[in-house]
Amino acid sequence: MHAYFIDFANLLLRWLHVIAAISWIGESIYFVMLDNGLRKPKAEEDREKGVFGEMWAVHGGGFYHNQKYATAPAKLPEDLHWSFWKAYTTWLTGFGLFILLYMTNPSFYLVNPQSSWEWAANMSGTMANIVALLFLLGGWVVYNELCKRISPNMTRDGILSVAVAIMMIVVSYLSTHIFSGRAAFLLTGAVMATAMSANVFFWIIPGQRRMVKAMKAGDAPNPLDGKRGKQRSVHNTYFTLPVVLLMVSNHYSFVFSQELAWLMMVLFIFAGAVIRQYFVLMHAGSKQPGYLVAGAVLILAAIWMGAPTSDDSASEESAAAVEMEPTGKAEVTQVAETHCVQCHAQEPTHPGFSAPPAGYAFDNWETLLNHKDKIQEVVKSGYMPLGNTTGMTQEERDIIAAWEK
């Protein structure tokens, strides 16, 4: 019953997280489109009022006239719309899910027993939780310091972009060497998502509040507040597509169980960024399909990198498994009963599950056969059992690898 309520909390929290994320990302993408799609106002009276740009649009049977003021308008309304709770809710619910799913069972979900770094492979669950929190905090601190030191006046944003890209390569490498594969991808995405929400909380909204306060007092707002908010907002829009992909990647073990998973992660991050660049420029009236082509090339490179090795070019490491006699029902069932069915059963005995994860129940031979290829994939890669908490040996993995019928 306890596992059932945990699963229900997971469902409801994930539901809220997805709703908030859709709302935040959708609004963010809309305002980027609006900002880049503005045209010089045609009416002289609008230009005299300080209107910087305008856009006419039609949607849902109605016509809309959006206007942007470069300086303070003559009067600000009391019901000025602010955009921040969607960002905060997205981060808070995401962090809540991380606590509920990962930090409550860190030895199972966070620790990477196959890490080439001995200290990471031997971390306790408590230490893994601490390292994960420091990883998130450290990602924000480093990113924020890069912004403050490299381009404090928003005059060297190109150099800053390169620095942030290098930072994400380092984050990807570190995460895959410290944490288990699925957690590594999620935490890399969480580093970017934390930076996005923190940009809103620490820079964009405070700067906007100072600008509004100055306008209402009849003073000229500090132009740096507007420029800095724009800088962080631009960073957020390029983070968006990579974050979404990293957050959904936990359903695809072939992505994060690769030997060079960090490099595949980098390819996806850069692909998302350059694809987003195409749409940003398109909204500004400049179609440059080269960015789409570059994104597609990066994705194809990731697909090529993750492609399984064909039987005729099997590596020497798996030669022993390939040369084994084909294994059948008895051997495979024994391995499954020892290492799989505690979780993957119609009624799991593992206290953390009230239903089989991802709907995979392997407590009968027919379902084992139906998922043979998937089982071989995750067992061969070492992704399953999670954290190898059941102690599956290489000999047992070889049995699964040699399973033919």
Protein backbone atom coordinates (compact mmCIF):
# COMPACT_ATOMS: atom_id res chain seq x y z
CA MET A 1 0.00 0.00 0.00
CA HIS A 2 2.88 2.38 0.78
CA ALA A 3 4.36 1.85 -2.69
CA TYR A 4 0.93 2.49 -4.22
CA PHE A 5 0.61 5.89 -2.57
CA ILE A 6 4.19 6.77 -3.58
CA ASP A 7 3.34 5.89 -7.19
CA PHE A 8 0.19 8.01 -7.03
CA ALA A 9 2.14 10.95 -5.61
CA ASN A 10 4.62 10.45 -8.46
CA LEU A 11 1.78 10.52 -11.01
CA LEU A 12 0.16 13.68 -9.65
CA LEU A 13 3.47 15.51 -9.15
CA ARG A 14 4.61 14.57 -12.66
CA TRP A 15 1.29 15.75 -14.06
CA LEU A 16 1.69 19.15 -12.41
CA HIS A 17 5.33 19.30 -13.49
CA VAL A 18 4.44 18.66 -17.14
CA ILE A 19 1.57 21.19 -17.08
CA ALA A 20 3.79 23.88 -15.53
CA ALA A 21 6.63 23.11 -17.95
CA ILE A 22 4.33 23.30 -20.98
CA SER A 23 2.96 26.62 -19.74
CA TRP A 24 6.38 28.10 -19.02
CA ILE A 25 8.09 26.87 -22.17
CA GLY A 26 5.11 27.77 -24.34
CA GLU A 27 4.98 31.31 -22.96
CA SER A 28 8.76 31.66 -23.28
CA ILE A 29 8.76 30.52 -26.90
CA TYR A 30 5.84 32.83 -27.66
CA PHE A 31 7.59 35.89 -26.25
CA VAL A 32 10.80 35.08 -28.12
CA MET A 33 8.75 34.82 -31.30
CA LEU A 34 6.96 38.07 -30.46
CA ASP A 35 10.16 39.94 -29.61
CA ASN A 36 11.88 38.84 -32.82
CA GLY A 37 8.82 39.40 -34.97
CA LEU A 38 8.16 43.03 -34.03
CA ARG A 39 8.06 45.61 -36.80
CA LYS A 40 8.47 49.37 -36.62
CA PRO A 41 5.10 50.93 -35.75
CA LYS A 42 3.38 52.54 -38.72
CA ALA A 43 1.30 55.05 -36.81
CA GLU A 44 3.05 58.29 -35.93
CA GLU A 45 1.11 58.56 -32.68
CA ASP A 46 2.47 55.16 -31.59
CA ARG A 47 6.03 56.21 -32.29
CA GLU A 48 5.48 59.40 -30.33
CA LYS A 49 4.25 57.36 -27.36
CA GLY A 50 7.53 55.42 -27.36
CA VAL A 51 6.33 52.23 -29.05
CA PHE A 52 9.44 50.39 -30.24
CA GLY A 53 7.75 47.68 -32.29
CA GLU A 54 4.41 46.05 -32.97
CA MET A 55 2.89 42.86 -34.33
CA TRP A 56 -0.54 42.15 -35.67
CA ALA A 57 -1.74 38.56 -35.36
CA VAL A 58 -4.89 36.53 -35.85
CA HIS A 59 -5.80 33.57 -33.65
CA GLY A 60 -8.97 31.82 -32.64
CA GLY A 61 -11.18 34.07 -34.73
CA GLY A 62 -9.82 37.29 -33.23
CA PHE A 63 -7.22 39.89 -34.10
CA TYR A 64 -4.43 40.93 -31.74
CA HIS A 65 -2.21 44.02 -31.76
CA ASN A 66 0.91 43.61 -29.63
CA GLN A 67 3.13 46.60 -28.91
CA LYS A 68 6.50 46.86 -27.17
CA TYR A 69 7.79 50.01 -25.47
CA ALA A 70 11.55 50.55 -25.52
CA THR A 71 11.25 53.16 -22.76
CA ALA A 72 8.73 53.74 -19.99
CA PRO A 73 5.19 54.24 -21.30
CA ALA A 74 3.29 57.27 -20.08
CA LYS A 75 1.45 55.15 -17.55
CA LEU A 76 1.75 51.58 -16.31
CA PRO A 77 -1.46 49.71 -15.50
CA GLU A 78 -1.98 48.25 -12.04
CA ASP A 79 -2.78 44.82 -13.49
CA LEU A 80 0.58 44.41 -15.23
CA HIS A 81 1.08 40.76 -16.21
CA TRP A 82 4.13 39.01 -14.74
CA SER A 83 5.60 35.70 -15.86
CA PHE A 84 7.38 33.80 -13.14
CA TRP A 85 5.20 31.31 -11.25
CA LYS A 86 5.20 28.87 -14.14
CA ALA A 87 9.01 28.80 -13.98
CA TYR A 88 9.08 28.37 -10.22
CA THR A 89 6.40 25.66 -10.27
CA THR A 90 8.25 23.75 -12.97
CA TRP A 91 11.46 23.71 -10.95
CA LEU A 92 9.80 22.96 -7.59
CA THR A 93 7.77 20.04 -8.95
CA GLY A 94 10.80 18.72 -10.85
CA PHE A 95 12.92 18.84 -7.72
CA GLY A 96 10.09 17.18 -5.81
CA LEU A 97 10.06 14.33 -8.33
CA PHE A 98 13.81 14.01 -8.03
CA ILE A 99 13.50 13.63 -4.26
CA LEU A 100 10.58 11.20 -4.54
CA LEU A 101 12.09 8.97 -7.23
CA TYR A 102 15.86 9.24 -6.85
CA MET A 103 16.85 10.59 -3.45
CA THR A 104 14.59 8.21 -1.53
CA ASN A 105 16.50 5.27 -3.01
CA PRO A 106 19.89 6.66 -4.08
CA SER A 107 21.77 3.34 -3.96
CA PHE A 108 19.30 2.05 -6.51
CA TYR A 109 19.00 5.07 -8.81
CA LEU A 110 22.00 7.38 -8.32
CA VAL A 111 25.08 5.28 -7.57
CA ASN A 112 27.02 4.06 -10.59
CA PRO A 113 28.76 0.83 -9.54
CA GLN A 114 30.36 0.58 -13.00
CA SER A 115 32.03 3.99 -12.76
CA SER A 116 35.72 4.02 -13.62
CA TRP A 117 36.16 6.40 -10.68
CA GLU A 118 36.46 4.22 -7.60
CA TRP A 119 35.09 6.82 -5.18
CA ALA A 120 31.95 7.23 -7.32
CA ALA A 121 31.41 3.49 -7.69
CA ASN A 122 31.65 3.01 -3.92
CA MET A 123 29.50 5.95 -2.80
CA SER A 124 26.94 5.32 -0.10
CA GLY A 125 23.36 6.36 -0.77
CA THR A 126 23.67 9.34 1.56
CA MET A 127 26.86 10.48 -0.12
CA ALA A 128 25.23 10.11 -3.55
CA ASN A 129 22.40 12.40 -2.45
CA ILE A 130 24.86 15.00 -1.16
CA VAL A 131 26.93 14.86 -4.35
CA ALA A 132 23.79 15.20 -6.48
CA LEU A 133 22.68 18.32 -4.59
CA LEU A 134 26.17 19.82 -4.81
CA PHE A 135 26.18 19.01 -8.52
CA LEU A 136 23.00 21.04 -9.06
CA LEU A 137 24.18 23.91 -6.88
CA GLY A 138 27.65 23.91 -8.43
CA GLY A 139 26.20 24.00 -11.94
CA TRP A 140 24.25 27.17 -11.16
CA VAL A 141 27.17 28.83 -9.37
CA VAL A 142 29.61 28.18 -12.23
CA TYR A 143 27.12 29.27 -14.91
CA ASN A 144 26.19 32.43 -12.99
CA GLU A 145 29.84 33.35 -12.42
CA LEU A 146 30.59 32.88 -16.12
CA CYS A 147 27.81 35.32 -16.98
CA LYS A 148 28.93 37.87 -14.39
CA ARG A 149 32.63 37.74 -15.19
CA ILE A 150 32.73 37.25 -18.96
CA SER A 151 29.89 39.54 -20.02
CA PRO A 152 28.81 41.70 -17.07
CA ASN A 153 27.61 44.50 -19.36
CA MET A 154 26.24 42.16 -22.03
CA THR A 155 28.95 43.20 -24.49
CA ARG A 156 30.69 39.83 -24.89
CA ASP A 157 27.76 37.44 -25.12
CA GLY A 158 29.36 35.53 -28.00
CA ILE A 159 32.35 34.59 -25.87
CA LEU A 160 29.98 33.79 -23.01
CA SER A 161 28.03 31.41 -25.24
CA VAL A 162 31.21 29.49 -26.03
CA ALA A 163 32.08 29.33 -22.32
CA VAL A 164 28.62 28.01 -21.43
CA ALA A 165 28.89 25.39 -24.21
CA ILE A 166 32.24 24.21 -22.79
CA MET A 167 30.71 24.12 -19.32
CA MET A 168 27.93 21.81 -20.56
CA ILE A 169 30.51 19.47 -22.11
CA VAL A 170 32.24 19.26 -18.73
CA VAL A 171 28.91 18.76 -16.91
CA SER A 172 27.97 15.93 -19.30
CA TYR A 173 31.32 14.21 -18.79
CA LEU A 174 31.23 14.51 -15.01
CA SER A 175 27.62 13.39 -14.63
CA THR A 176 28.11 10.17 -16.61
CA HIS A 177 31.24 9.30 -14.62
CA ILE A 178 29.72 10.02 -11.23
CA PHE A 179 26.09 8.88 -11.46
CA SER A 180 24.21 5.99 -13.05
CA GLY A 181 23.29 6.50 -16.69
CA ARG A 182 19.66 7.50 -16.29
CA ALA A 183 20.42 9.79 -13.35
CA ALA A 184 23.34 11.34 -15.23
CA PHE A 185 21.13 12.46 -18.11
CA LEU A 186 18.45 13.72 -15.76
CA LEU A 187 20.93 15.64 -13.59
CA THR A 188 22.55 17.27 -16.61
CA GLY A 189 19.12 18.44 -17.70
CA ALA A 190 18.42 19.53 -14.13
CA VAL A 191 21.58 21.66 -14.10
CA MET A 192 20.28 23.51 -17.15
CA ALA A 193 16.72 23.70 -15.78
CA THR A 194 18.03 25.03 -12.46
CA ALA A 195 19.94 27.73 -14.31
CA MET A 196 16.79 28.61 -16.24
CA SER A 197 14.62 28.96 -13.13
CA ALA A 198 17.37 30.73 -11.19
CA ASN A 199 17.77 33.19 -14.07
CA VAL A 200 14.11 34.09 -13.63
CA PHE A 201 14.29 34.23 -9.81
CA PHE A 202 17.59 36.05 -9.32
CA TRP A 203 17.92 38.22 -12.40
CA ILE A 204 14.97 38.58 -14.75
CA ILE A 205 12.15 39.27 -12.27
CA PRO A 206 14.20 41.42 -9.81
CA GLY A 207 15.47 43.50 -12.72
CA GLN A 208 11.95 43.95 -14.05
CA ARG A 209 10.70 44.95 -10.60
CA ARG A 210 13.40 47.60 -10.35
CA MET A 211 12.46 48.90 -13.78
CA VAL A 212 8.77 49.10 -12.88
CA LYS A 213 9.56 50.79 -9.57
CA ALA A 214 11.68 53.40 -11.34
CA MET A 215 8.99 54.05 -13.95
CA LYS A 216 6.29 54.53 -11.35
CA ALA A 217 8.57 56.94 -9.47
CA GLY A 218 9.12 58.94 -12.65
CA ASP A 219 12.79 57.93 -12.89
CA ALA A 220 14.64 56.42 -15.85
CA PRO A 221 15.15 52.68 -15.35
CA ASN A 222 18.65 51.26 -15.38
CA PRO A 223 19.18 49.97 -18.95
CA LEU A 224 21.42 47.19 -17.61
CA ASP A 225 18.41 45.58 -15.93
CA GLY A 226 16.70 45.24 -19.29
CA LYS A 227 19.82 44.03 -21.05
CA ARG A 228 20.65 41.52 -18.34
CA GLY A 229 17.11 40.17 -18.31
CA LYS A 230 17.28 39.81 -22.09
CA GLN A 231 20.63 37.99 -21.85
CA ARG A 232 19.36 35.43 -19.36
CA SER A 233 16.09 35.02 -21.25
CA VAL A 234 18.02 34.26 -24.44
CA HIS A 235 20.06 31.62 -22.58
CA ASN A 236 16.82 30.07 -21.34
CA THR A 237 15.39 29.73 -24.82
CA TYR A 238 18.49 27.86 -26.06
CA PHE A 239 18.41 25.57 -23.02
CA THR A 240 14.78 24.61 -23.64
CA LEU A 241 15.01 21.89 -26.31
CA PRO A 242 18.04 20.12 -24.76
CA VAL A 243 16.38 20.11 -21.31
CA VAL A 244 13.18 18.55 -22.65
CA LEU A 245 15.11 15.80 -24.42
CA LEU A 246 17.29 15.03 -21.39
CA MET A 247 14.23 14.82 -19.16
CA VAL A 248 12.47 12.28 -21.39
CA SER A 249 15.64 10.26 -22.05
CA ASN A 250 15.14 8.12 -18.93
CA HIS A 251 12.76 5.94 -20.95
CA TYR A 252 15.49 4.95 -23.44
CA SER A 253 18.35 2.96 -21.98
CA PHE A 254 20.14 2.68 -25.34
CA VAL A 255 20.94 6.39 -24.99
CA PHE A 256 22.43 6.55 -21.50
CA SER A 257 23.96 3.08 -21.28
CA GLN A 258 26.53 3.81 -24.00
CA GLU A 259 30.23 3.78 -23.15
CA LEU A 260 30.45 7.33 -24.51
CA ALA A 261 27.08 8.44 -23.14
CA TRP A 262 28.50 11.84 -22.22
CA LEU A 263 29.39 12.51 -25.84
CA MET A 264 25.94 11.43 -27.03
CA MET A 265 24.50 13.81 -24.45
CA VAL A 266 26.65 16.66 -25.78
CA LEU A 267 25.49 15.94 -29.34
CA PHE A 268 21.85 16.16 -28.25
CA ILE A 269 22.44 19.39 -26.30
CA PHE A 270 24.12 21.09 -29.24
CA ALA A 271 21.52 19.74 -31.67
CA GLY A 272 18.70 21.21 -29.59
CA ALA A 273 20.48 24.57 -29.36
CA VAL A 274 21.15 24.95 -33.09
CA ILE A 275 17.62 23.82 -34.01
CA ARG A 276 16.25 26.44 -31.62
CA GLN A 277 18.52 29.01 -33.32
CA TYR A 278 16.82 28.30 -36.63
CA PHE A 279 13.40 29.14 -35.20
CA VAL A 280 14.68 32.22 -33.37
CA LEU A 281 16.09 33.60 -36.63
CA MET A 282 12.98 32.56 -38.55
CA HIS A 283 10.81 34.65 -36.23
CA ALA A 284 13.12 37.59 -36.95
CA GLY A 285 12.47 37.15 -40.67
CA SER A 286 15.69 35.29 -41.57
CA LYS A 287 15.35 31.68 -42.63
CA GLN A 288 18.68 29.88 -42.40
CA PRO A 289 18.09 26.15 -42.95
CA GLY A 290 21.77 25.49 -42.33
CA TYR A 291 20.98 25.40 -38.61
CA LEU A 292 18.36 22.70 -39.17
CA VAL A 293 20.86 20.74 -41.25
CA ALA A 294 23.48 21.11 -38.51
CA GLY A 295 20.99 19.87 -35.91
CA ALA A 296 20.07 16.90 -38.08
CA VAL A 297 23.75 16.03 -38.60
CA LEU A 298 24.35 16.08 -34.84
CA ILE A 299 21.33 13.84 -34.24
CA LEU A 300 22.47 11.44 -36.96
CA ALA A 301 25.91 11.35 -35.34
CA ALA A 302 24.25 10.41 -32.04
CA ILE A 303 22.23 7.68 -33.77
CA TRP A 304 25.37 6.29 -35.40
CA MET A 305 27.24 6.38 -32.09
CA GLY A 306 24.51 4.50 -30.26
CA ALA A 307 23.86 1.87 -32.94
CA PRO A 308 24.37 -1.69 -31.64
CA THR A 309 27.32 -3.68 -32.94
CA SER A 310 26.35 -6.23 -35.59
CA ASP A 311 26.89 -9.91 -34.88
CA ASP A 312 29.63 -10.24 -37.49
CA SER A 313 31.70 -7.48 -35.91
CA ALA A 314 31.24 -8.37 -32.25
CA SER A 315 33.96 -7.08 -29.96
CA GLU A 316 36.50 -9.34 -28.32
CA GLU A 317 34.91 -8.58 -24.95
CA SER A 318 31.66 -10.24 -26.01
CA ALA A 319 33.27 -13.07 -27.94
CA ALA A 320 32.88 -15.48 -25.05
CA ALA A 321 29.17 -14.79 -24.91
CA VAL A 322 28.74 -15.18 -28.65
CA GLU A 323 30.58 -18.52 -28.68
CA MET A 324 28.53 -19.96 -25.82
CA GLU A 325 25.99 -22.64 -26.52
CA PRO A 326 22.57 -21.10 -27.07
CA THR A 327 20.68 -20.88 -23.78
CA GLY A 328 17.02 -21.62 -23.38
CA LYS A 329 14.11 -21.56 -21.01
CA ALA A 330 15.62 -23.08 -17.89
CA GLU A 331 18.75 -20.94 -17.70
CA VAL A 332 17.02 -17.67 -18.64
CA THR A 333 14.16 -18.28 -16.21
CA GLN A 334 16.63 -18.88 -13.41
CA VAL A 335 18.42 -15.60 -14.09
CA ALA A 336 15.10 -13.74 -14.31
CA GLU A 337 13.85 -15.20 -11.04
CA THR A 338 17.10 -14.26 -9.31
CA HIS A 339 17.54 -10.75 -10.64
CA CYS A 340 14.38 -9.45 -12.35
CA VAL A 341 11.04 -10.51 -10.89
CA GLN A 342 11.45 -8.73 -7.55
CA CYS A 343 10.49 -5.60 -9.50
CA HIS A 344 9.29 -6.81 -12.90
CA ALA A 345 6.31 -8.90 -11.84
CA GLN A 346 2.56 -8.48 -11.78
CA GLU A 347 2.86 -8.10 -8.01
CA PRO A 348 6.41 -6.90 -7.26
CA THR A 349 7.98 -7.92 -3.96
CA HIS A 350 10.39 -4.98 -4.04
CA PRO A 351 9.08 -2.39 -1.54
CA GLY A 352 9.64 0.47 -3.99
CA PHE A 353 7.12 -0.73 -6.58
CA SER A 354 3.38 -1.35 -6.52
CA ALA A 355 3.32 -2.32 -10.20
CA PRO A 356 5.92 -3.58 -12.68
CA PRO A 357 8.19 -0.70 -13.88
CA ALA A 358 7.28 0.45 -17.39
CA GLY A 359 4.68 -2.33 -17.45
CA TYR A 360 7.30 -5.06 -17.93
CA ALA A 361 6.33 -8.17 -15.94
CA PHE A 362 8.75 -11.09 -16.40
CA ASP A 363 7.20 -13.64 -14.05
CA ASN A 364 6.15 -15.92 -16.90
CA TRP A 365 7.96 -17.32 -19.92
CA GLU A 366 5.67 -15.77 -22.53
CA THR A 367 6.39 -12.20 -21.43
CA LEU A 368 10.11 -12.97 -21.24
CA LEU A 369 10.02 -14.13 -24.85
CA ASN A 370 8.01 -11.09 -25.96
CA HIS A 371 10.69 -8.75 -24.57
CA LYS A 372 13.76 -10.83 -25.38
CA ASP A 373 15.57 -8.16 -27.44
CA LYS A 374 14.95 -5.43 -24.87
CA ILE A 375 16.11 -7.67 -22.01
CA GLN A 376 19.32 -8.55 -23.84
CA GLU A 377 19.97 -4.88 -24.60
CA VAL A 378 19.67 -3.61 -21.03
CA VAL A 379 21.43 -6.58 -19.44
CA LYS A 380 24.34 -6.51 -21.88
CA SER A 381 24.84 -2.77 -21.36
CA GLY A 382 24.86 -3.21 -17.58
CA TYR A 383 21.91 -0.85 -17.14
CA MET A 384 19.86 -3.62 -15.56
CA PRO A 385 19.55 -4.58 -12.80
CA LEU A 386 19.55 -0.95 -11.63
CA GLY A 387 22.72 -0.33 -9.65
CA ASN A 388 23.27 -4.11 -9.91
CA THR A 389 21.81 -4.32 -6.41
CA THR A 390 21.06 -8.02 -6.97
CA GLY A 391 24.69 -8.76 -7.85
CA MET A 392 24.26 -10.15 -11.37
CA THR A 393 27.52 -11.77 -12.45
CA GLN A 394 29.17 -11.56 -15.86
CA GLU A 395 28.42 -15.26 -16.35
CA GLU A 396 24.73 -14.56 -15.89
CA ARG A 397 24.91 -11.67 -18.33
CA ASP A 398 26.55 -14.01 -20.82
CA ILE A 399 23.62 -16.41 -20.41
CA ILE A 400 21.21 -13.67 -21.41
CA ALA A 401 23.48 -12.61 -24.30
CA ALA A 402 23.50 -16.19 -25.64
CA TRP A 403 19.73 -16.59 -25.30
CA GLU A 404 18.32 -17.58 -28.69
CA LYS A 405 14.99 -19.22 -27.98
